[in-house]
Structures are given as C-alpha cells and as structure tokens.
Amino acid sequence: MTVVLAGVGADTTNLGALAPLYADGRFEYVPIPEKTDETSESATLGSWSFRYRDRRAADLTTRITPQPVQEASRTLTGEDLAAWPLHHDPNFTALTYGEHRSSGYVSRLRELEEGDVVGFYAGLRRVDDPDSRAHRYVIGYFTVDRVDVISPETPPEQASEMLEVHSENAHAKRARDGRPYLAQKSIVLIDGQEPGGLFERDPIRLSDYRVAPGNERAQYYLRDEIRDDWQVVAGGSNMMYKPAYRCALGGDEFRARVGEPGNHPDTGP
C-alpha cells in the first residue's frame, strides 16, 4: 500500500492568485480554470462559492489566460471570466481525480491500487497577515477505489467505457467522441471511496521557504519532518513545480496520522 501526494488547485500560474487561509484554520478550495469551454461542467469562476465567506472564485482575479502556453494572447475578463468553467479536479464531492501531467504524476498514480491514498495539496495564503508568506498545504485526500489509464493507443471503444465509468471526472466532462481533450497524452482516472474528502479546517503545511545549501535564493522545499514521518521516497524536495510525491507510508498509516476529513490534528497554519 502506498500514498501519492498531488499538487492541485488555483495558483499564480493558472488563476493568478491563491485561495485564502483564515486565521482560525479554515480555508477555501478553488479549482483551476478549465482549458476549454467545451465541457459539461456547470461550475464556473462566477458560480464557485467560498465555503466561509460571501465571495466567488472570480473575486480572486481580474483576468485569466485559459491556455497560457498554446494561446498566451487570449485572456478573459469581466463577464467572460465569470462565465468560464472550472476544471473541477479533484472533485471532493464525487471523490474523483484525473491527471495527465508528466514529471512523475502519471507513472506514480497509475500504480495505485484499491485501499491506497491520494492526498491533495494546494497553495494557500493567509488573509489575516498580508505580509506572511504563502505555503503549500495538504487540503484533503481520498482512499482509492478504482484506477484506469487511457493512453493514445487505447481503442476508442475502451476509452469511451472508461470515461463513462468516471463520468463525474473533469477529464470525462471535457472529452469528445470518446477521446480525452488531450488525446496525445496518457490520462489516469481515479475514483475514490471513503474515508476521504476535503478538510474542514487546519490544512497540513508541507512547505518550508529557505535557502538550500549551495544556493543563493530561497525557494519552497518539502518540510524535513514531513519527508521523514511520511516516508517520502520519490518527488524530490523542491516544491516549485508541484511535484507528485510517493510515500512508502501505507494508506492506513496515513489515515491514522491525518484523521478523517473534518477531524484531523490541528497542525497550525
């Protein structure tokens, strides 16, 4: 059994802002903007409500670039921004998650089995102290139920069947004619089971901001105590590009350490 930690959620590269972390340990989860508006997802930046404040995801920014690499000149503002769909992934209500990123994501996630755990971490910024530094926090997890992989070589009929099984997943919602939106990439689709979900409060801080030996500038690194206690064996220590971490810690051990969502240790923000 094993645990994989995946970096998710809005940040400065996709939304231009981080979700807020409040002084009492409560926080918001904001998914990233979708790359395409050809999706059956109904949640938009203008409709995504904060859990603990009367605000919407669209209030965090004034413009987005849905595809900053392929279409860097296309930006959305105002009503267009508010109407743009979110890539609701992970979906903590449906307990589903999909991933196509390389750099260890697909290779580590595809090896997960029933009973393993996917933990999710995101960048959060303290709103009570504007001078404080943002950090990356584990915001929730779910226990793995089923894992499927769609590759560019997967027959269309088989790909369609997998997408139907994971119909609540954001990658399934933007698929067309039985093929994923990014059909040239392998995509891992994971459906979860309880225990799992989004934490109510007190996310677990993963990052330190420090100057590593031999460097001149400070960067974000995985906390040493997390690396040791969770037995991180893959993913490195530098957190700049949201690596996928594999932990030798078993699923049961992980759940015992962090507890069930809404009832886990207060590690402090």
Foldseek 3Di string as FASTA:
>chain_A
DWEKEFEFADDCVFANHFWAAEQVFFTFGHGGFALDQQFPAQAAQQRAATPPDGDGNLVGDAKGDSDCPPCVPDMDGDPRRRRGHGQPAPPQVQQKHKDFDDQPPVVVVQPDDAFFKYWYKYWYDYPVDPPDDIFIFTFKMFGFDDKDKQALPDDLVVLQVVLVVLVVHSQSRNDDSSAGPPSHTMMMMTGGDPLIGTARGQTGTQWDWQADPPGDHTAIFGDPVCCVVQVWDDFHTGCPPRTITMGPRGSVRVCVQQPGHHDGDRPDD
